[in-house]
Protein backbone atom coordinates (compact mmCIF):
# COMPACT_ATOMS: atom_id res chain seq x y z
CA MET A 1 62.77 23.57 34.86
CA LYS A 2 60.99 26.87 34.25
CA ASP A 3 63.21 29.92 34.83
CA ARG A 4 62.36 31.95 37.89
CA ILE A 5 61.16 35.50 37.38
CA LEU A 6 62.56 36.54 40.75
CA LYS A 7 65.89 35.22 41.98
CA LYS A 8 66.76 35.23 45.66
CA TYR A 9 69.99 36.88 46.74
CA GLU A 10 72.54 34.20 47.62
CA GLY A 11 73.50 36.12 50.77
CA ASN A 12 69.97 36.00 52.23
CA PRO A 13 68.76 36.90 54.72
CA VAL A 14 70.07 40.47 54.44
CA VAL A 15 68.80 41.53 57.89
CA THR A 16 68.21 39.29 60.91
CA PRO A 17 67.61 39.97 64.62
CA GLN A 18 71.31 39.32 65.16
CA HIS A 19 72.18 42.37 63.02
CA MET A 20 70.28 44.73 65.33
CA PRO A 21 72.09 46.97 67.85
CA GLU A 22 69.62 46.00 70.59
CA THR A 23 67.98 42.69 71.35
CA VAL A 24 64.86 42.23 69.23
CA LEU A 25 62.82 39.10 68.69
CA TYR A 26 62.06 39.52 64.98
CA VAL A 27 62.71 41.87 62.05
CA PHE A 28 60.52 41.73 58.92
CA ASN A 29 58.19 43.36 56.32
CA PRO A 30 60.13 46.52 55.48
CA GLY A 31 59.05 49.45 53.40
CA ALA A 32 61.95 50.39 51.12
CA VAL A 33 63.05 53.34 48.99
CA LYS A 34 66.18 54.93 47.57
CA HIS A 35 66.91 58.34 49.07
CA ASN A 36 70.00 60.53 48.66
CA GLY A 37 72.07 57.69 47.27
CA GLU A 38 71.06 55.21 50.00
CA TYR A 39 68.76 52.25 50.17
CA ILE A 40 66.51 52.71 53.19
CA LEU A 41 64.60 49.90 54.85
CA MET A 42 61.90 50.88 57.33
CA MET A 43 61.51 47.53 59.09
CA ASP A 44 59.01 45.97 61.44
CA THR A 45 60.79 44.91 64.61
CA THR A 46 59.33 43.12 67.62
CA THR A 47 61.01 44.25 70.81
CA LEU A 48 61.18 42.27 74.05
CA ASP A 49 57.88 43.75 75.28
CA ASP A 50 56.22 42.06 72.25
CA ILE A 51 55.38 45.38 70.60
CA HIS A 52 56.06 46.08 66.92
CA ARG A 53 58.16 49.19 66.33
CA LEU A 54 59.57 50.59 63.08
CA TRP A 55 63.35 50.66 62.71
CA ILE A 56 65.46 52.05 59.85
CA ALA A 57 68.47 50.36 58.25
CA ARG A 58 70.61 51.95 55.53
CA SER A 59 72.83 50.62 52.72
CA LYS A 60 74.96 52.09 49.95
CA ASP A 61 74.81 48.99 47.74
CA GLY A 62 71.38 47.50 48.49
CA TYR A 63 72.86 44.33 50.01
CA ASN A 64 74.75 45.29 53.17
CA PHE A 65 72.56 47.13 55.67
CA VAL A 66 73.41 48.90 58.89
CA PRO A 67 70.52 49.49 61.33
CA GLU A 68 70.28 52.79 63.16
CA ASP A 69 70.96 52.84 66.89
CA LYS A 70 67.32 53.23 67.96
CA PRO A 71 63.81 52.71 66.56
CA VAL A 72 62.16 55.47 64.54
CA ASN A 73 61.03 58.44 66.62
CA TRP A 74 57.40 58.00 65.63
CA PRO A 75 54.96 60.91 66.08
CA ALA A 76 52.50 60.68 68.95
CA PRO A 77 49.28 58.84 68.11
CA ASP A 78 45.88 60.41 67.64
CA PRO A 79 44.30 60.57 71.14
CA SER A 80 41.16 58.91 69.74
CA HIS A 81 43.18 55.95 68.46
CA PRO A 82 46.03 54.85 70.75
CA GLU A 83 48.48 52.63 68.89
CA THR A 84 49.58 49.40 70.53
CA CYS A 85 51.66 48.41 67.47
CA ILE A 86 52.74 49.98 64.19
CA TYR A 87 53.89 47.83 61.30
CA ASP A 88 53.99 47.04 57.55
CA PRO A 89 54.92 50.49 56.18
CA ARG A 90 54.59 51.27 52.46
CA ILE A 91 56.56 54.35 51.38
CA THR A 92 55.48 56.49 48.41
CA LYS A 93 57.42 59.48 47.11
CA ILE A 94 55.29 62.38 45.86
CA GLY A 95 57.20 65.57 45.09
CA ASP A 96 59.86 66.03 47.76
CA GLU A 97 57.91 64.14 50.44
CA TYR A 98 57.73 60.48 51.38
CA ILE A 99 54.25 59.45 52.46
CA ILE A 100 54.11 56.35 54.65
CA LEU A 101 50.97 54.24 54.99
CA TYR A 102 51.15 51.71 57.82
CA ALA A 103 49.02 49.46 60.01
CA SER A 104 47.94 51.22 63.21
CA ASP A 105 46.94 48.48 65.61
CA LEU A 106 44.64 48.35 68.61
CA SER A 107 44.40 44.55 68.41
CA GLN A 108 44.75 41.91 65.70
CA ASN A 109 41.34 42.65 64.19
CA ASP A 110 41.06 46.32 65.25
CA VAL A 111 43.49 47.83 62.75
CA ARG A 112 43.33 51.09 60.82
CA ILE A 113 45.53 52.62 58.14
CA GLY A 114 47.72 55.41 59.48
CA ILE A 115 49.55 57.99 57.40
CA VAL A 116 52.70 59.96 58.27
CA LYS A 117 55.13 61.85 56.07
CA THR A 118 58.80 62.78 56.05
CA LYS A 119 61.37 64.47 53.84
CA ASP A 120 64.53 63.14 55.44
CA PHE A 121 63.69 59.91 57.35
CA LYS A 122 64.76 61.66 60.54
CA SER A 123 61.65 63.61 61.53
CA PHE A 124 58.10 62.43 60.85
CA GLU A 125 54.80 64.29 60.79
CA ARG A 126 51.43 62.66 61.34
CA VAL A 127 48.85 63.18 58.58
CA ALA A 128 45.86 61.08 59.61
CA ILE A 129 44.39 57.84 60.80
CA ALA A 130 42.75 57.29 57.48
CA SER A 131 40.35 54.35 57.59
CA GLU A 132 37.67 52.71 59.67
CA LEU A 133 38.57 49.80 61.94
CA GLY A 134 39.36 46.60 60.09
CA ASN A 135 41.59 47.81 57.24
CA ARG A 136 45.27 47.36 56.44
CA ASN A 137 47.73 46.82 53.57
CA GLY A 138 47.41 50.44 52.44
CA ALA A 139 49.62 51.26 49.44
CA LEU A 140 49.50 54.79 48.00
CA PHE A 141 49.93 55.32 44.25
CA PRO A 142 52.80 57.71 43.40
CA GLU A 143 50.54 60.10 41.46
CA LYS A 144 46.92 61.22 41.49
CA VAL A 145 44.26 59.82 39.17
CA ASP A 146 41.56 62.29 38.06
CA GLY A 147 42.79 64.73 40.69
CA LEU A 148 42.50 62.30 43.60
CA TYR A 149 44.99 60.37 45.69
CA VAL A 150 44.56 56.63 45.20
CA ARG A 151 45.40 53.78 47.53
CA LEU A 152 45.04 50.03 47.58
CA ASP A 153 43.75 48.64 50.86
CA ARG A 154 42.22 45.50 52.32
CA PRO A 155 39.14 45.79 54.53
CA PHE A 156 38.35 42.74 56.63
CA GLY A 157 36.12 41.62 59.46
CA ASN A 158 38.29 38.90 60.97
CA GLU A 159 41.89 38.04 60.11
CA LEU A 160 40.98 34.37 59.63
CA ASN A 161 38.25 35.06 57.05
CA PRO A 162 38.67 35.59 53.29
CA CYS A 163 39.47 39.18 52.27
CA TYR A 164 40.68 40.84 49.08
CA MET A 165 42.16 44.01 47.57
CA TRP A 166 40.07 47.16 47.37
CA ILE A 167 40.79 50.65 46.07
CA SER A 168 39.93 53.99 47.69
CA TYR A 169 40.24 57.66 46.71
CA SER A 170 40.90 60.90 48.60
CA PRO A 171 41.20 64.63 47.86
CA ASP A 172 43.54 65.28 50.78
CA LEU A 173 44.92 61.99 52.26
CA VAL A 174 42.55 62.42 55.24
CA PHE A 175 39.05 61.69 53.95
CA TRP A 176 38.75 58.51 51.88
CA GLY A 177 35.84 57.15 49.88
CA LYS A 178 34.60 55.77 46.56
CA SER A 179 35.91 52.45 47.90
CA LYS A 180 35.32 49.29 45.89
CA PRO A 181 36.97 45.92 45.25
CA LEU A 182 39.39 45.46 42.38
CA THR A 183 37.76 43.69 39.46
CA TYR A 184 38.99 41.34 36.74
CA LYS A 185 36.80 40.96 33.65
CA GLY A 186 33.96 42.65 35.47
CA LYS A 187 34.04 40.44 38.60
CA PRO A 188 35.74 40.98 41.99
CA PHE A 189 39.39 39.95 41.76
CA HIS A 190 39.91 36.91 43.98
CA ASP A 191 43.21 35.04 43.91
CA GLY A 192 43.66 32.72 46.87
CA TYR A 193 41.91 32.55 50.22
CA LYS A 194 43.12 36.07 51.00
CA LEU A 195 45.08 38.66 49.05
CA GLY A 196 46.32 42.15 49.66
CA ALA A 197 48.61 44.86 48.36
CA GLY A 198 52.31 44.42 48.74
CA ALA A 199 54.43 47.04 47.02
CA VAL A 200 53.62 50.61 46.12
CA PRO A 201 52.36 50.35 42.51
CA ILE A 202 54.91 51.05 39.76
CA LYS A 203 53.74 52.99 36.70
CA THR A 204 54.65 51.38 33.35
CA ASP A 205 53.49 52.00 29.80
CA ARG A 206 51.40 48.82 30.02
CA GLY A 207 49.67 49.55 33.32
CA TRP A 208 50.28 49.96 37.02
CA LEU A 209 52.39 47.01 38.18
CA GLU A 210 51.40 45.74 41.62
CA ILE A 211 53.33 43.06 43.51
CA TYR A 212 50.81 41.52 45.92
CA HIS A 213 50.61 38.73 48.47
CA THR A 214 48.21 35.84 48.18
CA VAL A 215 47.37 33.43 50.96
CA SER A 216 46.50 29.74 50.71
CA GLN A 217 44.91 27.59 53.40
CA THR A 218 46.46 24.32 54.50
CA CYS A 219 45.34 21.73 57.04
CA ASN A 220 47.33 23.51 59.78
CA GLY A 221 47.72 27.13 58.75
CA PHE A 222 48.36 29.58 55.91
CA ILE A 223 51.07 29.95 53.27
CA TYR A 224 51.95 33.49 52.09
CA ARG A 225 53.37 33.87 48.57
CA LEU A 226 53.83 36.69 46.05
CA LYS A 227 52.24 37.30 42.66
CA ALA A 228 51.89 40.34 40.39
CA CYS A 229 49.13 42.06 38.46
CA LEU A 230 48.69 44.96 36.05
CA LEU A 231 46.07 47.64 36.75
CA ASP A 232 44.55 49.92 34.13
CA LEU A 233 46.36 53.27 33.99
CA GLU A 234 43.17 55.35 33.77
CA ASP A 235 41.00 53.19 36.03
CA PRO A 236 43.29 51.32 38.45
CA SER A 237 40.33 49.47 39.96
CA LYS A 238 40.48 47.19 36.90
CA VAL A 239 42.95 44.29 36.80
CA ILE A 240 43.98 43.78 33.17
CA GLY A 241 46.29 40.81 33.76
CA TYR A 242 48.00 38.84 36.52
CA THR A 243 50.54 36.09 37.00
CA ARG A 244 48.92 32.66 37.16
CA ASP A 245 52.09 31.31 38.80
CA PHE A 246 53.68 32.44 42.06
CA ILE A 247 56.75 34.63 41.58
CA LEU A 248 58.12 34.17 45.13
CA TRP A 249 57.38 31.52 47.74
CA PRO A 250 58.81 30.15 51.01
CA GLU A 251 61.24 27.28 50.50
CA HIS A 252 64.27 27.86 52.74
CA GLU A 253 64.65 27.44 56.49
CA TYR A 254 64.63 31.21 57.15
CA GLU A 255 61.31 31.54 55.25
CA MET A 256 59.58 28.48 56.67
CA ARG A 257 60.46 28.57 60.39
CA GLY A 258 59.95 31.59 62.61
CA ARG A 259 57.31 33.73 64.26
CA VAL A 260 54.85 32.87 61.47
CA MET A 261 55.66 29.76 59.46
CA ASN A 262 55.74 29.62 55.64
CA VAL A 263 55.66 33.33 54.79
CA VAL A 264 57.19 35.60 52.19
CA PHE A 265 55.60 39.06 52.35
CA THR A 266 56.57 42.38 50.81
CA CYS A 267 55.78 46.05 51.35
CA ASN A 268 58.07 47.36 48.58
CA ALA A 269 59.52 47.03 45.09
CA ILE A 270 62.37 49.32 44.03
CA LEU A 271 62.78 49.87 40.29
CA GLU A 272 66.39 50.54 39.27
CA GLU A 273 67.43 52.56 36.22
CA ASP A 274 68.50 49.40 34.37
CA GLY A 275 65.03 47.83 34.71
CA ASN A 276 65.99 45.59 37.63
CA VAL A 277 63.51 45.35 40.51
CA LYS A 278 64.62 44.78 44.09
CA ILE A 279 62.05 43.31 46.48
CA TYR A 280 62.93 43.17 50.16
CA TYR A 281 60.59 40.70 51.82
CA GLY A 282 59.69 39.49 55.25
CA ALA A 283 60.62 35.82 55.74
CA ALA A 284 58.59 33.89 58.34
CA ASP A 285 58.01 37.25 60.12
CA THR A 286 61.53 36.83 61.50
CA ASN A 287 64.15 37.88 58.90
CA ILE A 288 64.40 40.00 55.74
CA GLY A 289 65.34 38.54 52.37
CA LEU A 290 66.01 40.09 48.97
CA ALA A 291 64.76 38.92 45.57
CA GLU A 292 65.56 40.54 42.21
CA GLY A 293 64.19 40.35 38.68
CA LYS A 294 63.59 42.32 35.51
CA ILE A 295 60.48 44.47 35.33
CA ASP A 296 59.79 43.40 31.74
CA ASP A 297 59.76 39.74 32.81
CA ILE A 298 57.26 40.46 35.57
CA ILE A 299 55.01 42.46 33.22
CA ASN A 300 55.14 39.80 30.53
CA ALA A 301 54.17 37.16 33.06
CA CYS A 302 51.05 39.22 33.89
CA ARG A 303 49.85 39.10 30.29
């Protein structure tokens, strides 16, 4: 049997609704970073009113997490764009700030990319609602390219239709443009019925490493799985290699049964000093699992 690139933590799931200090229906799709010696998960939670709210859990060792007492005290929405739900945060550190891109939801198909920032994960400041309607999966690169901020995103018309990864640029995190689809060998990069950014890209000497989700159709729904690609360091709109095989897929009860069946989905990838990568992933939109692997193995699989 072929060795797995990512190995699932034997204690999975690491966070479930039963771990939460209040009754929630589901907990899933966290952004994740290391900050001041702690692992921080900023998790999607669905409360009893069926609204998604972000909730922070903390850990000293990356395996045992303690949720905070209450959801994140999120800044008030832009009056022109009331938020019915906020979810799927990707957290990028630039300087001494953490910039969070998230889905700002009016309805399932009326979604925009919101941006807030923090220095301490206690207080949060709104930056912008930074896309037109019908865009999500925003992941901000941790440094500028040619003097511009860069993000991966995924514009779409209807959630049930095919849609793919795009890239956009901004001078100030507010106004975004120069948007175009990622390409592979000169053609739009399509891998599955749908695909979109997962983790914040990781800079390596062989390219920007992006862990992404790809979606397959079945006779009665979708399956969400993870793959990886390398983007050109100077022109990250170009895919220079990707994994032909899935690197993470649903196979256990906690990944196959829940709010959304047959889903593994990530908004993060934490690179440790020893080259190990931790990926905290949403499982069936109900629990949070952990998978780990070596960054060199993931990069080699892309080439």
